[in-house]
Structures are given as C-alpha cells and as structure tokens.
Amino acid sequence: MRLLSKPELIFLEPNGNESGQLHFVEEPTKIPFPIKRLFWLNKIAPGAKRGIHAHREESQVLVCLSGKVSALLEVLSGEKFLFELDSPSKALLIPPMVWTEFTFDKDSVLLGISDRQYSEGDYIRERAEFEVFQKKFRSKSETFTI
C-alpha cells in the first residue's frame, strides 16, 4: 500500500547574470528521489502528442529545456491538471499512476528524470486499463495497491 500523490511544479532557480543563465541539479537536490535514468525528447512535430500512458511505480520529473510543452495529467480520482512547461526553471513532478499527455510546440526539448530504469512492464499504455484502476480507486480510499 502507498499513499498516492498529485503532480506538482518544482522550481529550479538558475544562476544568472548578463551573460546568461546556468541551470543545474546536484546533491542535495530538489528532485525528490535518487536519479536512475535520464531521457529526452526532441524533434517532435509541433502539435504532436507524446506520453499517453501512466506508470505503475515510476516517478518522473520533466523539464522543458527549450520551447514549450503542455502537460495534461489525470490522477486516479479523475482530477485533471494542466501545466505549461516553458522554462528550464520549471520542473514537473509526476508520481506513479498518473495518466499523461504532452503536446509539443515547435523546437521543444523535454528532459525526463526518472527514479527507475526503463521497464516496459511498468507502463499502462491502454486508457481502458487505467480506467479500471480509476474505478478500483474510487471505490476504495486514497491508499491503493497496484
């Protein structure tokens, strides 16, 4: 059993001066988990959607390094969230069991920071399967076993 949480923004304050800004993550960090994997998406067609899945166990923090990415998220209770990632100072924490859909603007680069190595078995790729989890969750409490 684990307590489910909601997605939230984390702000990564850059060091900056007249010559530009430096963004970084180091220990101790605002990333709320040990980092096991980094990945990034780029050269995505404007208006294209990515994500369109949930993770059973994996937590992620996403940072838009360039351009803009809109994140439409839905938690098991059915509550929806819309976040605009348009600055490398904004990081989006996505806990497990959150349905994700990301829409990319032109020339966007999205960095993913994960607490797990890649595992296909962790993915819920079918919306209908996620909706089964939602029904189970709604009939229980906020603690939920996957």
C-alpha atoms as a PDB file:
ATOM      1  CA  MET A   1       0.000   0.000   0.000  1.00  0.00           C
ATOM      2  CA  ARG A   2       1.233   3.505  -0.756  1.00  0.00           C
ATOM      3  CA  LEU A   3      -0.219   6.958  -0.480  1.00  0.00           C
ATOM      4  CA  LEU A   4      -0.836   8.404  -3.919  1.00  0.00           C
ATOM      5  CA  SER A   5       0.197  11.967  -4.575  1.00  0.00           C
ATOM      6  CA  LYS A   6      -0.608  14.600  -7.168  1.00  0.00           C
ATOM      7  CA  PRO A   7       1.638  16.140  -9.822  1.00  0.00           C
ATOM      8  CA  GLU A   8       3.275  19.419  -8.862  1.00  0.00           C
ATOM      9  CA  LEU A   9       5.714  22.017 -10.136  1.00  0.00           C
ATOM     10  CA  ILE A  10       9.203  22.264  -8.667  1.00  0.00           C
ATOM     11  CA  PHE A  11      11.140  25.459  -9.315  1.00  0.00           C
ATOM     12  CA  LEU A  12      14.834  25.142 -10.155  1.00  0.00           C
ATOM     13  CA  GLU A  13      16.371  28.537  -9.532  1.00  0.00           C
ATOM     14  CA  PRO A  14      19.091  29.335 -12.093  1.00  0.00           C
ATOM     15  CA  ASN A  15      22.302  31.213 -11.516  1.00  0.00           C
ATOM     16  CA  GLY A  16      22.254  34.080 -13.965  1.00  0.00           C
ATOM     17  CA  ASN A  17      23.902  37.302 -14.972  1.00  0.00           C
ATOM     18  CA  GLU A  18      24.150  39.445 -18.094  1.00  0.00           C
ATOM     19  CA  SER A  19      25.866  36.612 -19.968  1.00  0.00           C
ATOM     20  CA  GLY A  20      23.028  34.084 -19.466  1.00  0.00           C
ATOM     21  CA  GLN A  21      21.626  31.524 -17.053  1.00  0.00           C
ATOM     22  CA  LEU A  22      23.028  28.300 -15.671  1.00  0.00           C
ATOM     23  CA  HIS A  23      20.541  25.624 -14.559  1.00  0.00           C
ATOM     24  CA  PHE A  24      21.783  22.582 -12.695  1.00  0.00           C
ATOM     25  CA  VAL A  25      20.822  19.722 -10.421  1.00  0.00           C
ATOM     26  CA  GLU A  26      23.266  18.370  -7.852  1.00  0.00           C
ATOM     27  CA  GLU A  27      23.155  16.710  -4.441  1.00  0.00           C
ATOM     28  CA  PRO A  28      21.282  17.678  -2.369  1.00  0.00           C
ATOM     29  CA  THR A  29      18.617  18.321  -4.972  1.00  0.00           C
ATOM     30  CA  LYS A  30      15.002  19.390  -5.303  1.00  0.00           C
ATOM     31  CA  ILE A  31      14.438  16.141  -7.209  1.00  0.00           C
ATOM     32  CA  PRO A  32      12.642  14.057  -4.541  1.00  0.00           C
ATOM     33  CA  PHE A  33      14.193  10.694  -5.443  1.00  0.00           C
ATOM     34  CA  PRO A  34      17.528   9.102  -6.384  1.00  0.00           C
ATOM     35  CA  ILE A  35      18.053   9.522 -10.140  1.00  0.00           C
ATOM     36  CA  LYS A  36      18.300   6.232 -12.045  1.00  0.00           C
ATOM     37  CA  ARG A  37      17.701   7.351 -15.647  1.00  0.00           C
ATOM     38  CA  LEU A  38      17.702  10.445 -17.861  1.00  0.00           C
ATOM     39  CA  PHE A  39      15.971  10.652 -21.233  1.00  0.00           C
ATOM     40  CA  TRP A  40      14.966  13.448 -23.578  1.00  0.00           C
ATOM     41  CA  LEU A  41      12.613  14.018 -26.460  1.00  0.00           C
ATOM     42  CA  ASN A  42      13.333  16.387 -29.333  1.00  0.00           C
ATOM     43  CA  LYS A  43      12.434  16.880 -32.997  1.00  0.00           C
ATOM     44  CA  ILE A  44       8.782  16.240 -32.143  1.00  0.00           C
ATOM     45  CA  ALA A  45       6.406  17.777 -34.708  1.00  0.00           C
ATOM     46  CA  PRO A  46       4.543  20.864 -33.425  1.00  0.00           C
ATOM     47  CA  GLY A  47       1.167  19.833 -32.021  1.00  0.00           C
ATOM     48  CA  ALA A  48       2.226  16.203 -31.718  1.00  0.00           C
ATOM     49  CA  LYS A  49       1.222  14.351 -28.565  1.00  0.00           C
ATOM     50  CA  ARG A  50       3.522  12.084 -26.581  1.00  0.00           C
ATOM     51  CA  GLY A  51       3.201  10.269 -23.303  1.00  0.00           C
ATOM     52  CA  ILE A  52      -0.339   8.899 -23.477  1.00  0.00           C
ATOM     53  CA  HIS A  53       0.381   6.406 -20.726  1.00  0.00           C
ATOM     54  CA  ALA A  54       0.800   6.035 -16.971  1.00  0.00           C
ATOM     55  CA  HIS A  55       3.434   4.292 -14.875  1.00  0.00           C
ATOM     56  CA  ARG A  56       2.648   1.757 -12.177  1.00  0.00           C
ATOM     57  CA  GLU A  57       5.683   2.550  -9.985  1.00  0.00           C
ATOM     58  CA  GLU A  58       7.929   5.045 -11.754  1.00  0.00           C
ATOM     59  CA  SER A  59       8.156   8.684 -10.675  1.00  0.00           C
ATOM     60  CA  GLN A  60       9.476  11.296 -13.087  1.00  0.00           C
ATOM     61  CA  VAL A  61      10.492  14.921 -13.121  1.00  0.00           C
ATOM     62  CA  LEU A  62      10.187  16.613 -16.528  1.00  0.00           C
ATOM     63  CA  VAL A  63      11.939  19.823 -17.592  1.00  0.00           C
ATOM     64  CA  CYS A  64      11.361  21.624 -20.885  1.00  0.00           C
ATOM     65  CA  LEU A  65      14.860  22.754 -21.865  1.00  0.00           C
ATOM     66  CA  SER A  66      13.711  24.621 -24.981  1.00  0.00           C
ATOM     67  CA  GLY A  67      10.361  25.611 -26.455  1.00  0.00           C
ATOM     68  CA  LYS A  68       7.117  24.735 -24.683  1.00  0.00           C
ATOM     69  CA  VAL A  69       5.358  21.530 -23.737  1.00  0.00           C
ATOM     70  CA  SER A  70       1.799  21.386 -22.379  1.00  0.00           C
ATOM     71  CA  ALA A  71       1.147  18.576 -19.920  1.00  0.00           C
ATOM     72  CA  LEU A  72      -2.390  17.304 -19.391  1.00  0.00           C
ATOM     73  CA  LEU A  73      -2.405  14.910 -16.432  1.00  0.00           C
ATOM     74  CA  GLU A  74      -5.125  12.870 -14.747  1.00  0.00           C
ATOM     75  CA  VAL A  75      -4.891  11.155 -11.376  1.00  0.00           C
ATOM     76  CA  LEU A  76      -6.841   8.097 -10.257  1.00  0.00           C
ATOM     77  CA  SER A  77      -9.538  10.213  -8.602  1.00  0.00           C
ATOM     78  CA  GLY A  78     -10.303  11.711 -12.037  1.00  0.00           C
ATOM     79  CA  GLU A  79      -8.880  15.137 -11.136  1.00  0.00           C
ATOM     80  CA  LYS A  80      -7.107  16.726 -14.117  1.00  0.00           C
ATOM     81  CA  PHE A  81      -4.168  19.102 -14.175  1.00  0.00           C
ATOM     82  CA  LEU A  82      -2.773  21.278 -16.954  1.00  0.00           C
ATOM     83  CA  PHE A  83       0.814  22.519 -16.733  1.00  0.00           C
ATOM     84  CA  GLU A  84       2.731  24.650 -19.225  1.00  0.00           C
ATOM     85  CA  LEU A  85       6.424  23.816 -19.226  1.00  0.00           C
ATOM     86  CA  ASP A  86       8.024  26.817 -20.891  1.00  0.00           C
ATOM     87  CA  SER A  87      11.198  27.414 -18.896  1.00  0.00           C
ATOM     88  CA  PRO A  88      14.101  25.260 -17.725  1.00  0.00           C
ATOM     89  CA  SER A  89      13.407  26.738 -14.272  1.00  0.00           C
ATOM     90  CA  LYS A  90      10.127  24.755 -14.070  1.00  0.00           C
ATOM     91  CA  ALA A  91      10.243  21.051 -13.320  1.00  0.00           C
ATOM     92  CA  LEU A  92       7.112  18.903 -13.232  1.00  0.00           C
ATOM     93  CA  LEU A  93       6.994  16.089 -10.684  1.00  0.00           C
ATOM     94  CA  ILE A  94       4.806  13.211 -11.890  1.00  0.00           C
ATOM     95  CA  PRO A  95       4.195  10.459  -9.340  1.00  0.00           C
ATOM     96  CA  PRO A  96       3.132   6.935 -10.326  1.00  0.00           C
ATOM     97  CA  MET A  97      -0.402   6.187 -11.527  1.00  0.00           C
ATOM     98  CA  VAL A  98      -0.929   9.486 -13.353  1.00  0.00           C
ATOM     99  CA  TRP A  99      -2.214   9.390 -16.940  1.00  0.00           C
ATOM    100  CA  THR A 100      -0.058  11.721 -19.072  1.00  0.00           C
ATOM    101  CA  GLU A 101      -0.468  13.501 -22.387  1.00  0.00           C
ATOM    102  CA  PHE A 102       2.124  16.001 -23.595  1.00  0.00           C
ATOM    103  CA  THR A 103       1.662  18.391 -26.521  1.00  0.00           C
ATOM    104  CA  PHE A 104       4.839  19.816 -28.053  1.00  0.00           C
ATOM    105  CA  ASP A 105       5.407  23.229 -29.586  1.00  0.00           C
ATOM    106  CA  LYS A 106       7.985  23.825 -32.328  1.00  0.00           C
ATOM    107  CA  ASP A 107      11.604  23.004 -31.445  1.00  0.00           C
ATOM    108  CA  SER A 108      10.796  21.804 -27.928  1.00  0.00           C
ATOM    109  CA  VAL A 109      13.233  19.651 -25.973  1.00  0.00           C
ATOM    110  CA  LEU A 110      11.877  17.761 -22.957  1.00  0.00           C
ATOM    111  CA  LEU A 111      14.234  16.213 -20.397  1.00  0.00           C
ATOM    112  CA  GLY A 112      12.964  13.325 -18.263  1.00  0.00           C
ATOM    113  CA  ILE A 113      14.495  12.406 -14.912  1.00  0.00           C
ATOM    114  CA  SER A 114      13.377   9.057 -13.514  1.00  0.00           C
ATOM    115  CA  ASP A 115      13.676   7.087 -10.301  1.00  0.00           C
ATOM    116  CA  ARG A 116      13.819   3.779 -12.244  1.00  0.00           C
ATOM    117  CA  GLN A 117      15.495   2.170 -15.182  1.00  0.00           C
ATOM    118  CA  TYR A 118      13.287   1.529 -18.196  1.00  0.00           C
ATOM    119  CA  SER A 119      10.819  -1.333 -17.772  1.00  0.00           C
ATOM    120  CA  GLU A 120       8.064  -1.959 -20.297  1.00  0.00           C
ATOM    121  CA  GLY A 121       6.106  -3.805 -17.590  1.00  0.00           C
ATOM    122  CA  ASP A 122       5.784  -0.556 -15.612  1.00  0.00           C
ATOM    123  CA  TYR A 123       3.761   1.114 -18.384  1.00  0.00           C
ATOM    124  CA  ILE A 124      -0.026   1.301 -18.602  1.00  0.00           C
ATOM    125  CA  ARG A 125      -0.446   2.100 -22.285  1.00  0.00           C
ATOM    126  CA  GLU A 126      -4.157   1.457 -22.724  1.00  0.00           C
ATOM    127  CA  ARG A 127      -6.565   4.086 -21.438  1.00  0.00           C
ATOM    128  CA  ALA A 128      -9.146   1.374 -20.663  1.00  0.00           C
ATOM    129  CA  GLU A 129      -6.702  -0.349 -18.283  1.00  0.00           C
ATOM    130  CA  PHE A 130      -6.055   2.953 -16.490  1.00  0.00           C
ATOM    131  CA  GLU A 131      -9.822   3.479 -16.170  1.00  0.00           C
ATOM    132  CA  VAL A 132     -10.106   0.075 -14.448  1.00  0.00           C
ATOM    133  CA  PHE A 133      -7.590   1.314 -11.856  1.00  0.00           C
ATOM    134  CA  GLN A 134      -9.619   4.538 -11.515  1.00  0.00           C
ATOM    135  CA  LYS A 135     -12.806   2.569 -10.766  1.00  0.00           C
ATOM    136  CA  LYS A 136     -10.991   0.470  -8.150  1.00  0.00           C
ATOM    137  CA  PHE A 137      -9.502   3.604  -6.603  1.00  0.00           C
ATOM    138  CA  ARG A 138     -12.818   5.453  -6.453  1.00  0.00           C
ATOM    139  CA  SER A 139     -14.405   2.520  -4.632  1.00  0.00           C
ATOM    140  CA  LYS A 140     -11.565   2.479  -2.044  1.00  0.00           C
ATOM    141  CA  SER A 141      -9.700   5.192  -0.150  1.00  0.00           C
ATOM    142  CA  GLU A 142      -6.638   7.239  -1.119  1.00  0.00           C
ATOM    143  CA  THR A 143      -4.386   4.297  -0.306  1.00  0.00           C
ATOM    144  CA  PHE A 144      -4.234   1.890  -3.141  1.00  0.00           C
ATOM    145  CA  THR A 145      -2.465  -1.346  -4.012  1.00  0.00           C
ATOM    146  CA  ILE A 146      -1.304  -1.878  -7.578  1.00  0.00           C
END
